[in-house]
Amino acid sequence: MSIDPRKLGFPVEITCEAPGYLTTTEVLHPRPLPDVLTTAQARQPFSPMADPAPAAGAPPTSQVPFRLIVPLRGALFETAADRAAFYEALLNDRMARWTALQHQAEADCSKPGTSRAGASSTSPPEVCRRAYGWLRELRDADLRTLEIDRRRATFR
């Protein structure tokens, strides 16, 4: 399905439903511009399941991402092992996306021009620590939601 958020405005809340799956909602925020560090520093939300690239044919400065993936979360499983494997795969995907955002913020932090205030030989600058904290808060909230859905999933 294609949605043009330019017509709807940001954020766009996308809810998907299917038999055998929990209702799943992803929120699409504008792409982080000009970089992840600046976006996190401003405490703007992230959409971990959104592609970091702009929409096809859009300029690099477009706030509209190429796509948003909404992985449906299983509600009924044959065994506890089946449920664990299914949700472990979802967890790994989401963690990989949050880790990529963290790595991008770290790369942005090392760019010339980033404030070095509060930096030491053992810690990054204050602006970076605050941005990393915001990313952790968002990641933790996202993973809590996934864990709640895992616990809501039942067995046949």
C-alpha atoms as a PDB file:
ATOM      1  CA  MET A   1       0.000   0.000   0.000  1.00  0.00           C
ATOM      2  CA  SER A   2       1.280   3.485  -0.778  1.00  0.00           C
ATOM      3  CA  ILE A   3       0.498   6.519   1.355  1.00  0.00           C
ATOM      4  CA  ASP A   4       1.609  10.032   0.506  1.00  0.00           C
ATOM      5  CA  PRO A   5       2.307  11.687   3.887  1.00  0.00           C
ATOM      6  CA  ARG A   6       2.747  15.044   2.179  1.00  0.00           C
ATOM      7  CA  LYS A   7      -1.046  15.052   1.733  1.00  0.00           C
ATOM      8  CA  LEU A   8      -1.711  13.818   5.278  1.00  0.00           C
ATOM      9  CA  GLY A   9       1.024  15.597   7.198  1.00  0.00           C
ATOM     10  CA  PHE A  10       3.376  14.101   9.754  1.00  0.00           C
ATOM     11  CA  PRO A  11       3.192  12.059  11.825  1.00  0.00           C
ATOM     12  CA  VAL A  12       1.156   9.400  10.026  1.00  0.00           C
ATOM     13  CA  GLU A  13      -0.178   6.554  12.153  1.00  0.00           C
ATOM     14  CA  ILE A  14      -0.537   3.332  10.172  1.00  0.00           C
ATOM     15  CA  THR A  15      -2.528   0.473  11.670  1.00  0.00           C
ATOM     16  CA  CYS A  16      -2.640  -2.964  10.052  1.00  0.00           C
ATOM     17  CA  GLU A  17      -4.934  -5.849  10.911  1.00  0.00           C
ATOM     18  CA  ALA A  18      -5.124  -9.433   9.665  1.00  0.00           C
ATOM     19  CA  PRO A  19      -6.672 -12.662  10.970  1.00  0.00           C
ATOM     20  CA  GLY A  20      -4.263 -14.448  13.301  1.00  0.00           C
ATOM     21  CA  TYR A  21      -2.242 -11.320  14.006  1.00  0.00           C
ATOM     22  CA  LEU A  22      -2.387  -8.604  16.633  1.00  0.00           C
ATOM     23  CA  THR A  23      -3.383  -5.170  15.431  1.00  0.00           C
ATOM     24  CA  THR A  24      -0.068  -3.477  14.691  1.00  0.00           C
ATOM     25  CA  THR A  25       0.559   0.246  14.511  1.00  0.00           C
ATOM     26  CA  GLU A  26       3.658   2.035  13.264  1.00  0.00           C
ATOM     27  CA  VAL A  27       4.028   5.800  13.342  1.00  0.00           C
ATOM     28  CA  LEU A  28       5.738   7.462  10.414  1.00  0.00           C
ATOM     29  CA  HIS A  29       7.700  10.566  11.353  1.00  0.00           C
ATOM     30  CA  PRO A  30       9.641  12.721   8.907  1.00  0.00           C
ATOM     31  CA  ARG A  31      13.045  11.397   7.939  1.00  0.00           C
ATOM     32  CA  PRO A  32      15.758  12.642  10.257  1.00  0.00           C
ATOM     33  CA  LEU A  33      17.252  15.693   8.580  1.00  0.00           C
ATOM     34  CA  PRO A  34      19.918  16.913   8.368  1.00  0.00           C
ATOM     35  CA  ASP A  35      21.351  14.035  10.415  1.00  0.00           C
ATOM     36  CA  VAL A  36      20.429  11.620  13.188  1.00  0.00           C
ATOM     37  CA  LEU A  37      22.396  13.530  15.825  1.00  0.00           C
ATOM     38  CA  THR A  38      20.593  16.804  15.103  1.00  0.00           C
ATOM     39  CA  THR A  39      17.204  15.063  15.087  1.00  0.00           C
ATOM     40  CA  ALA A  40      17.905  13.264  18.373  1.00  0.00           C
ATOM     41  CA  GLN A  41      19.376  16.401  19.923  1.00  0.00           C
ATOM     42  CA  ALA A  42      16.065  18.162  19.185  1.00  0.00           C
ATOM     43  CA  ARG A  43      14.248  15.166  20.790  1.00  0.00           C
ATOM     44  CA  GLN A  44      12.300  14.547  17.614  1.00  0.00           C
ATOM     45  CA  PRO A  45      10.820  11.048  17.305  1.00  0.00           C
ATOM     46  CA  PHE A  46      12.174   8.377  14.985  1.00  0.00           C
ATOM     47  CA  SER A  47      10.418   5.686  12.974  1.00  0.00           C
ATOM     48  CA  PRO A  48      12.763   2.716  13.260  1.00  0.00           C
ATOM     49  CA  MET A  49      10.939   0.726  10.585  1.00  0.00           C
ATOM     50  CA  ALA A  50      11.187   3.550   8.029  1.00  0.00           C
ATOM     51  CA  ASP A  51      13.909   3.365   5.419  1.00  0.00           C
ATOM     52  CA  PRO A  52      16.538   6.059   5.896  1.00  0.00           C
ATOM     53  CA  ALA A  53      16.554   6.867   2.166  1.00  0.00           C
ATOM     54  CA  PRO A  54      14.107   9.380   0.663  1.00  0.00           C
ATOM     55  CA  ALA A  55      11.116   8.321  -1.416  1.00  0.00           C
ATOM     56  CA  ALA A  56      11.871   7.218  -4.971  1.00  0.00           C
ATOM     57  CA  GLY A  57      12.456  10.224  -7.206  1.00  0.00           C
ATOM     58  CA  ALA A  58      12.484  12.649  -4.270  1.00  0.00           C
ATOM     59  CA  PRO A  59      15.433  14.935  -3.583  1.00  0.00           C
ATOM     60  CA  PRO A  60      17.888  13.860  -0.852  1.00  0.00           C
ATOM     61  CA  THR A  61      16.432  16.540   1.443  1.00  0.00           C
ATOM     62  CA  SER A  62      12.922  15.053   1.287  1.00  0.00           C
ATOM     63  CA  GLN A  63      11.362  14.259   4.659  1.00  0.00           C
ATOM     64  CA  VAL A  64       9.366  11.405   3.098  1.00  0.00           C
ATOM     65  CA  PRO A  65      11.101   8.022   3.493  1.00  0.00           C
ATOM     66  CA  PHE A  66      11.188   5.448   0.720  1.00  0.00           C
ATOM     67  CA  ARG A  67       9.007   3.056   2.722  1.00  0.00           C
ATOM     68  CA  LEU A  68       7.776   2.062   6.141  1.00  0.00           C
ATOM     69  CA  ILE A  69       7.687  -1.616   7.041  1.00  0.00           C
ATOM     70  CA  VAL A  70       4.811  -2.726   9.280  1.00  0.00           C
ATOM     71  CA  PRO A  71       5.614  -6.280  10.426  1.00  0.00           C
ATOM     72  CA  LEU A  72       2.448  -7.951  11.658  1.00  0.00           C
ATOM     73  CA  ARG A  73       2.777  -9.635  15.035  1.00  0.00           C
ATOM     74  CA  GLY A  74       1.480 -13.159  15.382  1.00  0.00           C
ATOM     75  CA  ALA A  75      -1.304 -13.721  17.888  1.00  0.00           C
ATOM     76  CA  LEU A  76      -1.739 -17.514  17.806  1.00  0.00           C
ATOM     77  CA  PHE A  77       1.040 -20.092  17.942  1.00  0.00           C
ATOM     78  CA  GLU A  78       1.205 -23.870  18.180  1.00  0.00           C
ATOM     79  CA  THR A  79       3.889 -23.855  20.884  1.00  0.00           C
ATOM     80  CA  ALA A  80       5.790 -21.518  23.157  1.00  0.00           C
ATOM     81  CA  ALA A  81       8.905 -22.217  21.074  1.00  0.00           C
ATOM     82  CA  ASP A  82       7.102 -21.071  17.915  1.00  0.00           C
ATOM     83  CA  ARG A  83       6.067 -17.847  19.623  1.00  0.00           C
ATOM     84  CA  ALA A  84       9.570 -17.288  20.986  1.00  0.00           C
ATOM     85  CA  ALA A  85      11.158 -17.791  17.541  1.00  0.00           C
ATOM     86  CA  PHE A  86       8.682 -15.472  15.823  1.00  0.00           C
ATOM     87  CA  TYR A  87       9.104 -12.645  18.313  1.00  0.00           C
ATOM     88  CA  GLU A  88      12.870 -13.151  18.527  1.00  0.00           C
ATOM     89  CA  ALA A  89      13.104 -12.492  14.778  1.00  0.00           C
ATOM     90  CA  LEU A  90      11.026  -9.307  15.154  1.00  0.00           C
ATOM     91  CA  LEU A  91      13.167  -8.212  18.103  1.00  0.00           C
ATOM     92  CA  ASN A  92      16.391  -8.803  16.155  1.00  0.00           C
ATOM     93  CA  ASP A  93      15.121  -6.738  13.210  1.00  0.00           C
ATOM     94  CA  ARG A  94      14.057  -3.837  15.400  1.00  0.00           C
ATOM     95  CA  MET A  95      17.289  -3.940  17.419  1.00  0.00           C
ATOM     96  CA  ALA A  96      19.303  -3.879  14.192  1.00  0.00           C
ATOM     97  CA  ARG A  97      17.412  -0.776  13.059  1.00  0.00           C
ATOM     98  CA  TRP A  98      17.881   1.003  16.416  1.00  0.00           C
ATOM     99  CA  THR A  99      21.560   0.030  16.412  1.00  0.00           C
ATOM    100  CA  ALA A 100      21.950   1.497  12.923  1.00  0.00           C
ATOM    101  CA  LEU A 101      20.427   4.778  14.158  1.00  0.00           C
ATOM    102  CA  GLN A 102      22.797   4.760  17.148  1.00  0.00           C
ATOM    103  CA  HIS A 103      25.803   4.162  14.879  1.00  0.00           C
ATOM    104  CA  GLN A 104      24.696   6.985  12.593  1.00  0.00           C
ATOM    105  CA  ALA A 105      24.367   9.320  15.579  1.00  0.00           C
ATOM    106  CA  GLU A 106      27.875   8.325  16.682  1.00  0.00           C
ATOM    107  CA  ALA A 107      29.225   9.006  13.175  1.00  0.00           C
ATOM    108  CA  ASP A 108      27.428  12.368  13.141  1.00  0.00           C
ATOM    109  CA  CYS A 109      28.922  13.147  16.559  1.00  0.00           C
ATOM    110  CA  SER A 110      32.445  12.681  15.260  1.00  0.00           C
ATOM    111  CA  LYS A 111      31.975  15.180  12.411  1.00  0.00           C
ATOM    112  CA  PRO A 112      33.878  18.441  12.595  1.00  0.00           C
ATOM    113  CA  GLY A 113      31.720  21.247  13.900  1.00  0.00           C
ATOM    114  CA  THR A 114      29.980  19.137  16.551  1.00  0.00           C
ATOM    115  CA  SER A 115      30.237  20.874  19.910  1.00  0.00           C
ATOM    116  CA  ARG A 116      32.994  19.272  21.982  1.00  0.00           C
ATOM    117  CA  ALA A 117      31.606  20.736  25.238  1.00  0.00           C
ATOM    118  CA  GLY A 118      31.691  18.167  28.010  1.00  0.00           C
ATOM    119  CA  ALA A 119      33.902  15.781  26.056  1.00  0.00           C
ATOM    120  CA  SER A 120      36.728  13.934  27.750  1.00  0.00           C
ATOM    121  CA  SER A 121      39.014  11.083  26.861  1.00  0.00           C
ATOM    122  CA  THR A 122      36.399   8.660  28.224  1.00  0.00           C
ATOM    123  CA  SER A 123      33.081  10.269  27.259  1.00  0.00           C
ATOM    124  CA  PRO A 124      31.516  11.961  24.238  1.00  0.00           C
ATOM    125  CA  PRO A 125      30.410  15.595  24.177  1.00  0.00           C
ATOM    126  CA  GLU A 126      27.298  16.541  26.165  1.00  0.00           C
ATOM    127  CA  VAL A 127      25.237  17.096  23.005  1.00  0.00           C
ATOM    128  CA  CYS A 128      26.016  13.541  21.954  1.00  0.00           C
ATOM    129  CA  ARG A 129      25.233  12.048  25.373  1.00  0.00           C
ATOM    130  CA  ARG A 130      21.823  13.749  25.347  1.00  0.00           C
ATOM    131  CA  ALA A 131      21.103  12.508  21.812  1.00  0.00           C
ATOM    132  CA  TYR A 132      22.154   8.955  22.689  1.00  0.00           C
ATOM    133  CA  GLY A 133      19.896   9.090  25.750  1.00  0.00           C
ATOM    134  CA  TRP A 134      16.922  10.141  23.619  1.00  0.00           C
ATOM    135  CA  LEU A 135      17.570   7.308  21.179  1.00  0.00           C
ATOM    136  CA  ARG A 136      17.719   4.845  24.098  1.00  0.00           C
ATOM    137  CA  GLU A 137      14.408   6.163  25.483  1.00  0.00           C
ATOM    138  CA  LEU A 138      12.706   5.713  22.113  1.00  0.00           C
ATOM    139  CA  ARG A 139      14.255   2.280  21.582  1.00  0.00           C
ATOM    140  CA  ASP A 140      13.245   1.086  25.048  1.00  0.00           C
ATOM    141  CA  ALA A 141       9.636   2.242  24.571  1.00  0.00           C
ATOM    142  CA  ASP A 142       9.506   0.544  21.167  1.00  0.00           C
ATOM    143  CA  LEU A 143      10.866  -2.736  22.541  1.00  0.00           C
ATOM    144  CA  ARG A 144       8.468  -2.620  25.514  1.00  0.00           C
ATOM    145  CA  THR A 145       5.576  -2.494  23.049  1.00  0.00           C
ATOM    146  CA  LEU A 146       6.974  -5.523  21.230  1.00  0.00           C
ATOM    147  CA  GLU A 147       7.340  -7.409  24.525  1.00  0.00           C
ATOM    148  CA  ILE A 148       3.747  -6.585  25.490  1.00  0.00           C
ATOM    149  CA  ASP A 149       2.542  -7.989  22.172  1.00  0.00           C
ATOM    150  CA  ARG A 150       4.684 -11.109  22.675  1.00  0.00           C
ATOM    151  CA  ARG A 151       3.012 -11.686  26.041  1.00  0.00           C
ATOM    152  CA  ARG A 152      -0.452 -11.062  24.568  1.00  0.00           C
ATOM    153  CA  ALA A 153       0.108 -13.746  21.909  1.00  0.00           C
ATOM    154  CA  THR A 154      -1.528 -17.055  22.848  1.00  0.00           C
ATOM    155  CA  PHE A 155      -1.418 -20.724  21.898  1.00  0.00           C
ATOM    156  CA  ARG A 156      -3.944 -22.788  19.969  1.00  0.00           C
END
